Amino acid sequence: MGIISEITAWMAINSEGIHGTRPWQICGEGPSVEGTIRDTSVFKLLPPIPDTSPGATRSSGRRDSGSKPYTAQDVRFTTKGSALYAFVLGRPSEPRVQIASLATTSPQLAGRKVADVSLLGQGGKLAWSQTAEGLVVKLPEQLPSEHAIALKIAGVVGA
């Protein structure tokens, strides 16, 4: 399958968590993100560029393009309405993922609890638990994509 076909198939499954979304309080977590979870604000301005090039005021979105490969601990977040989308960037080696930013003690949640978790592209129910260490989601044997997967999480985006 060519790269365009793979992207098209992936977007058919995951576009709900991409199109029309907004950033969450943090952009992500995991080994490929520099700093800690709290240091991953969406926009960090680059130093001024001493010319008039079009990139003179762009933000540093390159943080994810380093040489570290993505793992199942690398997660990026978007929101739409009352839903939080968590994109797990690496293929999990175990049939579960843990998202530390969604722990019951997380400052981003302000006491809110996860109400439901679903996997985009998969219609069945998922087993999950929210603990002080994070949101732990048991994944099905067959994932909807060979690439990043997206979890739709209800209950944690406040009005």
Protein backbone atom coordinates (compact mmCIF):
# COMPACT_ATOMS: atom_id res chain seq x y z
CA MET A 1 0.00 0.00 0.00
CA GLY A 2 1.43 3.39 -0.95
CA ILE A 3 1.92 6.20 1.54
CA ILE A 4 -1.04 8.21 0.17
CA SER A 5 -3.33 5.17 0.50
CA GLU A 6 -2.12 4.60 4.07
CA ILE A 7 -2.73 8.24 5.03
CA THR A 8 -6.18 8.13 3.42
CA ALA A 9 -7.11 4.95 5.32
CA TRP A 10 -5.79 6.40 8.60
CA MET A 11 -7.70 9.67 8.13
CA ALA A 12 -10.93 7.78 7.35
CA ILE A 13 -10.70 6.26 10.83
CA ASN A 14 -9.22 9.15 12.83
CA SER A 15 -10.35 12.41 11.18
CA GLU A 16 -12.93 12.96 13.95
CA GLY A 17 -10.03 13.65 16.33
CA ILE A 18 -8.24 15.94 13.82
CA HIS A 19 -10.67 18.13 11.86
CA GLY A 20 -12.34 20.95 13.78
CA THR A 21 -10.43 20.22 16.99
CA ARG A 22 -8.68 22.53 19.41
CA PRO A 23 -5.61 21.95 21.57
CA TRP A 24 -6.06 20.62 25.09
CA GLN A 25 -4.36 22.15 28.14
CA ILE A 26 -1.19 20.23 27.25
CA CYS A 27 -0.18 18.98 23.81
CA GLY A 28 1.12 15.60 24.91
CA GLU A 29 3.29 13.36 26.99
CA GLY A 30 5.95 10.73 26.46
CA PRO A 31 9.64 10.21 25.77
CA SER A 32 9.69 12.18 22.50
CA VAL A 33 8.40 15.37 24.17
CA GLU A 34 11.08 17.60 25.59
CA GLY A 35 10.69 18.55 29.24
CA THR A 36 7.87 17.40 31.46
CA ILE A 37 4.18 17.07 30.74
CA ARG A 38 3.61 20.59 32.06
CA ASP A 39 6.30 22.04 29.76
CA THR A 40 4.60 21.01 26.54
CA SER A 41 2.52 24.08 25.83
CA VAL A 42 1.18 24.19 22.31
CA PHE A 43 2.93 27.39 21.23
CA LYS A 44 6.51 28.31 22.07
CA LEU A 45 7.74 31.15 19.93
CA LEU A 46 11.05 30.74 18.19
CA PRO A 47 13.76 33.35 18.64
CA PRO A 48 13.36 36.25 16.20
CA ILE A 49 14.63 35.58 12.70
CA PRO A 50 16.65 38.58 11.47
CA ASP A 51 14.91 38.83 8.10
CA THR A 52 11.48 39.11 6.52
CA SER A 53 11.02 35.44 5.64
CA PRO A 54 7.52 33.95 6.04
CA GLY A 55 8.75 31.82 8.95
CA ALA A 56 9.82 34.82 11.02
CA THR A 57 6.95 34.42 13.50
CA ARG A 58 5.98 30.75 13.31
CA SER A 59 5.85 28.69 16.48
CA SER A 60 8.16 25.79 17.22
CA GLY A 61 6.01 22.89 16.09
CA ARG A 62 9.14 20.86 15.28
CA ARG A 63 9.37 19.49 18.81
CA ASP A 64 7.98 16.17 17.54
CA SER A 65 10.32 15.83 14.58
CA GLY A 66 13.45 14.86 16.47
CA SER A 67 15.36 11.64 16.04
CA LYS A 68 13.61 9.72 18.85
CA PRO A 69 11.20 7.07 17.54
CA TYR A 70 7.65 7.24 18.87
CA THR A 71 6.62 4.74 21.52
CA ALA A 72 3.25 3.74 22.99
CA GLN A 73 4.04 6.22 25.79
CA ASP A 74 4.02 9.11 23.29
CA VAL A 75 0.53 10.58 23.33
CA ARG A 76 -0.82 13.80 21.75
CA PHE A 77 -4.12 15.44 22.68
CA THR A 78 -6.89 17.33 20.87
CA THR A 79 -10.41 18.34 21.94
CA LYS A 80 -13.72 18.84 20.20
CA GLY A 81 -16.87 19.71 22.12
CA SER A 82 -16.87 17.62 25.28
CA ALA A 83 -14.49 14.97 23.90
CA LEU A 84 -10.77 14.62 24.51
CA TYR A 85 -8.84 12.68 21.86
CA ALA A 86 -5.61 10.94 22.84
CA PHE A 87 -3.45 9.81 19.92
CA VAL A 88 -1.08 6.99 20.89
CA LEU A 89 1.77 7.50 18.42
CA GLY A 90 3.67 4.22 18.74
CA ARG A 91 2.31 0.72 18.37
CA PRO A 92 1.80 -0.78 21.85
CA SER A 93 3.80 -3.95 22.55
CA GLU A 94 1.22 -4.94 25.17
CA PRO A 95 -2.56 -4.95 24.76
CA ARG A 96 -2.90 -1.84 26.95
CA VAL A 97 -1.85 1.80 27.16
CA GLN A 98 -1.42 4.07 30.16
CA ILE A 99 -1.88 7.82 29.89
CA ALA A 100 -0.30 9.58 32.88
CA SER A 101 -1.87 12.97 32.11
CA LEU A 102 -5.30 11.47 32.83
CA ALA A 103 -4.49 10.23 36.35
CA THR A 104 -7.05 10.97 39.06
CA THR A 105 -4.44 13.28 40.60
CA SER A 106 -3.68 15.16 37.37
CA PRO A 107 -3.80 18.96 37.68
CA GLN A 108 -5.20 19.13 34.13
CA LEU A 109 -8.39 17.34 35.20
CA ALA A 110 -9.27 19.55 38.19
CA GLY A 111 -11.05 16.63 39.87
CA ARG A 112 -12.99 15.49 36.78
CA LYS A 113 -13.26 11.75 36.17
CA VAL A 114 -13.19 9.81 32.92
CA ALA A 115 -16.75 8.73 32.03
CA ASP A 116 -16.08 6.60 28.94
CA VAL A 117 -13.29 5.58 26.56
CA SER A 118 -13.67 4.36 22.97
CA LEU A 119 -11.20 3.55 20.21
CA LEU A 120 -11.83 5.31 16.89
CA GLY A 121 -12.36 2.74 14.16
CA GLN A 122 -13.46 0.02 16.59
CA GLY A 123 -17.08 -0.39 17.65
CA GLY A 124 -16.77 -2.57 20.74
CA LYS A 125 -16.52 -1.61 24.39
CA LEU A 126 -13.09 -1.10 25.95
CA ALA A 127 -12.11 -2.05 29.49
CA TRP A 128 -10.43 0.87 31.25
CA SER A 129 -9.63 2.21 34.71
CA GLN A 130 -8.54 5.60 35.99
CA THR A 131 -6.03 5.50 38.84
CA ALA A 132 -3.56 7.82 40.53
CA GLU A 133 -0.96 6.60 37.97
CA GLY A 134 -3.04 7.30 34.87
CA LEU A 135 -5.82 6.14 32.60
CA VAL A 136 -5.20 2.48 31.72
CA VAL A 137 -7.01 1.22 28.63
CA LYS A 138 -7.11 -2.42 27.55
CA LEU A 139 -6.86 -2.54 23.76
CA PRO A 140 -8.43 -5.11 21.44
CA GLU A 141 -6.16 -7.67 19.75
CA GLN A 142 -6.85 -6.18 16.32
CA LEU A 143 -6.14 -2.44 16.19
CA PRO A 144 -7.81 -0.29 13.51
CA SER A 145 -4.45 0.96 12.23
CA GLU A 146 -0.83 -0.11 12.00
CA HIS A 147 0.08 3.47 12.85
CA ALA A 148 -1.12 5.85 15.58
CA ILE A 149 -4.43 4.99 17.22
CA ALA A 150 -6.91 7.45 18.70
CA LEU A 151 -8.86 7.12 21.93
CA LYS A 152 -11.99 9.24 22.43
CA ILE A 153 -12.37 10.09 26.11
CA ALA A 154 -15.51 11.52 27.72
CA GLY A 155 -15.90 13.29 31.04
CA VAL A 156 -12.62 15.20 31.38
CA VAL A 157 -13.09 18.28 29.18
CA GLY A 158 -14.79 20.89 31.35
CA ALA A 159 -17.27 23.40 30.13
